[in-house]
């Protein structure tokens, strides 16, 4: 899971093109994760 989060933060647009939108929804469900990635 951690790898997926890192990839989403690094190449969100790329994932969107691949049709991997579920990751975007994860940020809304797990705000703390966003803070950890931005830290």
PDB file of N, CA and C in Angstrom:
ATOM      1  N   UNK A   1       0.836  -1.214   0.000  1.00  0.00           N
ATOM      2  CA  UNK A   1       0.000   0.000   0.000  1.00  0.00           C
ATOM      3  C   UNK A   1       0.867   1.259   0.000  1.00  0.00           C
ATOM      4  N   UNK A   2       1.941   1.252   0.783  1.00  0.00           N
ATOM      5  CA  UNK A   2       2.798   2.434   0.870  1.00  0.00           C
ATOM      6  C   UNK A   2       3.369   2.770  -0.515  1.00  0.00           C
ATOM      7  N   UNK A   3       3.753   1.741  -1.267  1.00  0.00           N
ATOM      8  CA  UNK A   3       4.315   1.974  -2.606  1.00  0.00           C
ATOM      9  C   UNK A   3       3.275   2.651  -3.502  1.00  0.00           C
ATOM     10  N   UNK A   4       2.029   2.181  -3.395  1.00  0.00           N
ATOM     11  CA  UNK A   4       0.965   2.757  -4.223  1.00  0.00           C
ATOM     12  C   UNK A   4       0.787   4.229  -3.906  1.00  0.00           C
ATOM     13  N   UNK A   5       0.836   4.566  -2.616  1.00  0.00           N
ATOM     14  CA  UNK A   5       0.665   5.965  -2.204  1.00  0.00           C
ATOM     15  C   UNK A   5       1.798   6.810  -2.777  1.00  0.00           C
ATOM     16  N   UNK A   6       2.999   6.288  -2.710  1.00  0.00           N
ATOM     17  CA  UNK A   6       4.163   7.038  -3.208  1.00  0.00           C
ATOM     18  C   UNK A   6       4.012   7.293  -4.709  1.00  0.00           C
ATOM     19  N   UNK A   7       3.628   6.264  -5.431  1.00  0.00           N
ATOM     20  CA  UNK A   7       3.455   6.391  -6.883  1.00  0.00           C
ATOM     21  C   UNK A   7       2.375   7.425  -7.190  1.00  0.00           C
ATOM     22  N   UNK A   8       1.295   7.397  -6.418  1.00  0.00           N
ATOM     23  CA  UNK A   8       0.193   8.334  -6.651  1.00  0.00           C
ATOM     24  C   UNK A   8       0.670   9.764  -6.434  1.00  0.00           C
ATOM     25  N   UNK A   9       1.499   9.951  -5.420  1.00  0.00           N
ATOM     26  CA  UNK A   9       1.983  11.301  -5.120  1.00  0.00           C
ATOM     27  C   UNK A   9       2.996  11.747  -6.172  1.00  0.00           C
ATOM     28  N   UNK A  10       3.768  10.807  -6.690  1.00  0.00           N
ATOM     29  CA  UNK A  10       4.809  11.150  -7.661  1.00  0.00           C
ATOM     30  C   UNK A  10       4.215  11.381  -9.051  1.00  0.00           C
ATOM     31  N   UNK A  11       3.347  10.476  -9.490  1.00  0.00           N
ATOM     32  CA  UNK A  11       2.786  10.599 -10.845  1.00  0.00           C
ATOM     33  C   UNK A  11       1.276  10.446 -10.852  1.00  0.00           C
ATOM     34  N   UNK A  12       0.589  11.336 -10.184  1.00  0.00           N
ATOM     35  CA  UNK A  12      -0.873  11.263 -10.139  1.00  0.00           C
ATOM     36  C   UNK A  12      -1.475  11.351 -11.546  1.00  0.00           C
ATOM     37  N   UNK A  13      -1.029  12.305 -12.365  1.00  0.00           N
ATOM     38  CA  UNK A  13      -1.568  12.417 -13.729  1.00  0.00           C
ATOM     39  C   UNK A  13      -1.386  11.122 -14.517  1.00  0.00           C
ATOM     40  N   UNK A  14      -0.225  10.498 -14.374  1.00  0.00           N
ATOM     41  CA  UNK A  14       0.046   9.254 -15.108  1.00  0.00           C
ATOM     42  C   UNK A  14      -0.945   8.171 -14.692  1.00  0.00           C
ATOM     43  N   UNK A  15      -1.207   8.077 -13.389  1.00  0.00           N
ATOM     44  CA  UNK A  15      -2.139   7.065 -12.902  1.00  0.00           C
ATOM     45  C   UNK A  15      -3.538   7.346 -13.447  1.00  0.00           C
ATOM     46  N   UNK A  16      -3.894   8.612 -13.511  1.00  0.00           N
ATOM     47  CA  UNK A  16      -5.221   8.981 -14.017  1.00  0.00           C
ATOM     48  C   UNK A  16      -5.357   8.509 -15.466  1.00  0.00           C
ATOM     49  N   UNK A  17      -4.291   8.685 -16.245  1.00  0.00           N
ATOM     50  CA  UNK A  17      -4.327   8.259 -17.648  1.00  0.00           C
ATOM     51  C   UNK A  17      -4.463   6.741 -17.736  1.00  0.00           C
ATOM     52  N   UNK A  18      -3.864   6.061 -16.775  1.00  0.00           N
ATOM     53  CA  UNK A  18      -3.909   4.595 -16.774  1.00  0.00           C
ATOM     54  C   UNK A  18      -5.281   4.106 -16.315  1.00  0.00           C
ATOM     55  N   UNK A  19      -6.097   5.017 -15.795  1.00  0.00           N
ATOM     56  CA  UNK A  19      -7.422   4.630 -15.321  1.00  0.00           C
ATOM     57  C   UNK A  19      -7.374   4.182 -13.870  1.00  0.00           C
ATOM     58  N   UNK A  20      -6.340   4.593 -13.154  1.00  0.00           N
ATOM     59  CA  UNK A  20      -6.220   4.213 -11.742  1.00  0.00           C
ATOM     60  C   UNK A  20      -6.675   5.375 -10.867  1.00  0.00           C
ATOM     61  N   UNK A  21      -7.981   5.648 -10.888  1.00  0.00           N
ATOM     62  CA  UNK A  21      -8.523   6.774 -10.128  1.00  0.00           C
ATOM     63  C   UNK A  21      -8.777   6.446  -8.655  1.00  0.00           C
ATOM     64  N   UNK A  22      -8.995   5.171  -8.296  1.00  0.00           N
ATOM     65  CA  UNK A  22      -9.259   4.820  -6.892  1.00  0.00           C
ATOM     66  C   UNK A  22      -8.270   5.466  -5.934  1.00  0.00           C
ATOM     67  N   UNK A  23      -7.025   5.623  -6.360  1.00  0.00           N
ATOM     68  CA  UNK A  23      -6.001   6.212  -5.492  1.00  0.00           C
ATOM     69  C   UNK A  23      -6.405   7.626  -5.089  1.00  0.00           C
ATOM     70  N   UNK A  24      -6.957   8.368  -6.029  1.00  0.00           N
ATOM     71  CA  UNK A  24      -7.364   9.748  -5.741  1.00  0.00           C
ATOM     72  C   UNK A  24      -8.406   9.750  -4.625  1.00  0.00           C
ATOM     73  N   UNK A  25      -9.304   8.785  -4.656  1.00  0.00           N
ATOM     74  CA  UNK A  25     -10.340   8.718  -3.622  1.00  0.00           C
ATOM     75  C   UNK A  25      -9.724   8.419  -2.256  1.00  0.00           C
ATOM     76  N   UNK A  26      -8.619   7.665  -2.271  1.00  0.00           N
ATOM     77  CA  UNK A  26      -7.967   7.315  -1.005  1.00  0.00           C
ATOM     78  C   UNK A  26      -7.537   8.567  -0.258  1.00  0.00           C
ATOM     79  N   UNK A  27      -7.077   9.581  -0.995  1.00  0.00           N
ATOM     80  CA  UNK A  27      -6.607  10.807  -0.316  1.00  0.00           C
ATOM     81  C   UNK A  27      -7.752  11.419   0.481  1.00  0.00           C
ATOM     82  N   UNK A  28      -8.963  11.379  -0.084  1.00  0.00           N
ATOM     83  CA  UNK A  28     -10.115  11.962   0.614  1.00  0.00           C
ATOM     84  C   UNK A  28     -10.450  11.156   1.862  1.00  0.00           C
ATOM     85  N   UNK A  29     -10.227   9.844   1.785  1.00  0.00           N
ATOM     86  CA  UNK A  29     -10.561   8.989   2.929  1.00  0.00           C
ATOM     87  C   UNK A  29      -9.446   8.988   3.970  1.00  0.00           C
ATOM     88  N   UNK A  30      -8.220   9.253   3.527  1.00  0.00           N
ATOM     89  CA  UNK A  30      -7.082   9.231   4.452  1.00  0.00           C
ATOM     90  C   UNK A  30      -6.265  10.518   4.344  1.00  0.00           C
ATOM     91  N   UNK A  31      -6.793  11.624   4.877  1.00  0.00           N
ATOM     92  CA  UNK A  31      -6.070  12.907   4.847  1.00  0.00           C
ATOM     93  C   UNK A  31      -4.691  12.818   5.493  1.00  0.00           C
ATOM     94  N   UNK A  32      -4.537  12.082   6.601  1.00  0.00           N
ATOM     95  CA  UNK A  32      -3.223  11.969   7.269  1.00  0.00           C
ATOM     96  C   UNK A  32      -2.152  11.472   6.300  1.00  0.00           C
ATOM     97  N   UNK A  33      -2.529  10.561   5.404  1.00  0.00           N
ATOM     98  CA  UNK A  33      -1.551  10.027   4.447  1.00  0.00           C
ATOM     99  C   UNK A  33      -0.995  11.150   3.594  1.00  0.00           C
ATOM    100  N   UNK A  34      -1.860  12.073   3.204  1.00  0.00           N
ATOM    101  CA  UNK A  34      -1.418  13.201   2.371  1.00  0.00           C
ATOM    102  C   UNK A  34      -0.360  14.002   3.127  1.00  0.00           C
ATOM    103  N   UNK A  35      -0.603  14.228   4.415  1.00  0.00           N
ATOM    104  CA  UNK A  35       0.356  14.997   5.227  1.00  0.00           C
ATOM    105  C   UNK A  35       1.691  14.265   5.296  1.00  0.00           C
ATOM    106  N   UNK A  36       1.635  12.949   5.478  1.00  0.00           N
ATOM    107  CA  UNK A  36       2.873  12.160   5.591  1.00  0.00           C
ATOM    108  C   UNK A  36       3.663  12.250   4.285  1.00  0.00           C
ATOM    109  N   UNK A  37       2.948  12.180   3.165  1.00  0.00           N
ATOM    110  CA  UNK A  37       3.636  12.231   1.870  1.00  0.00           C
ATOM    111  C   UNK A  37       4.236  13.615   1.638  1.00  0.00           C
ATOM    112  N   UNK A  38       3.526  14.642   2.075  1.00  0.00           N
ATOM    113  CA  UNK A  38       4.020  16.015   1.867  1.00  0.00           C
ATOM    114  C   UNK A  38       5.158  16.327   2.829  1.00  0.00           C
ATOM    115  N   UNK A  39       5.187  15.650   3.975  1.00  0.00           N
ATOM    116  CA  UNK A  39       6.224  15.928   4.979  1.00  0.00           C
ATOM    117  C   UNK A  39       7.616  15.677   4.405  1.00  0.00           C
TER     118      UNK A  39
END
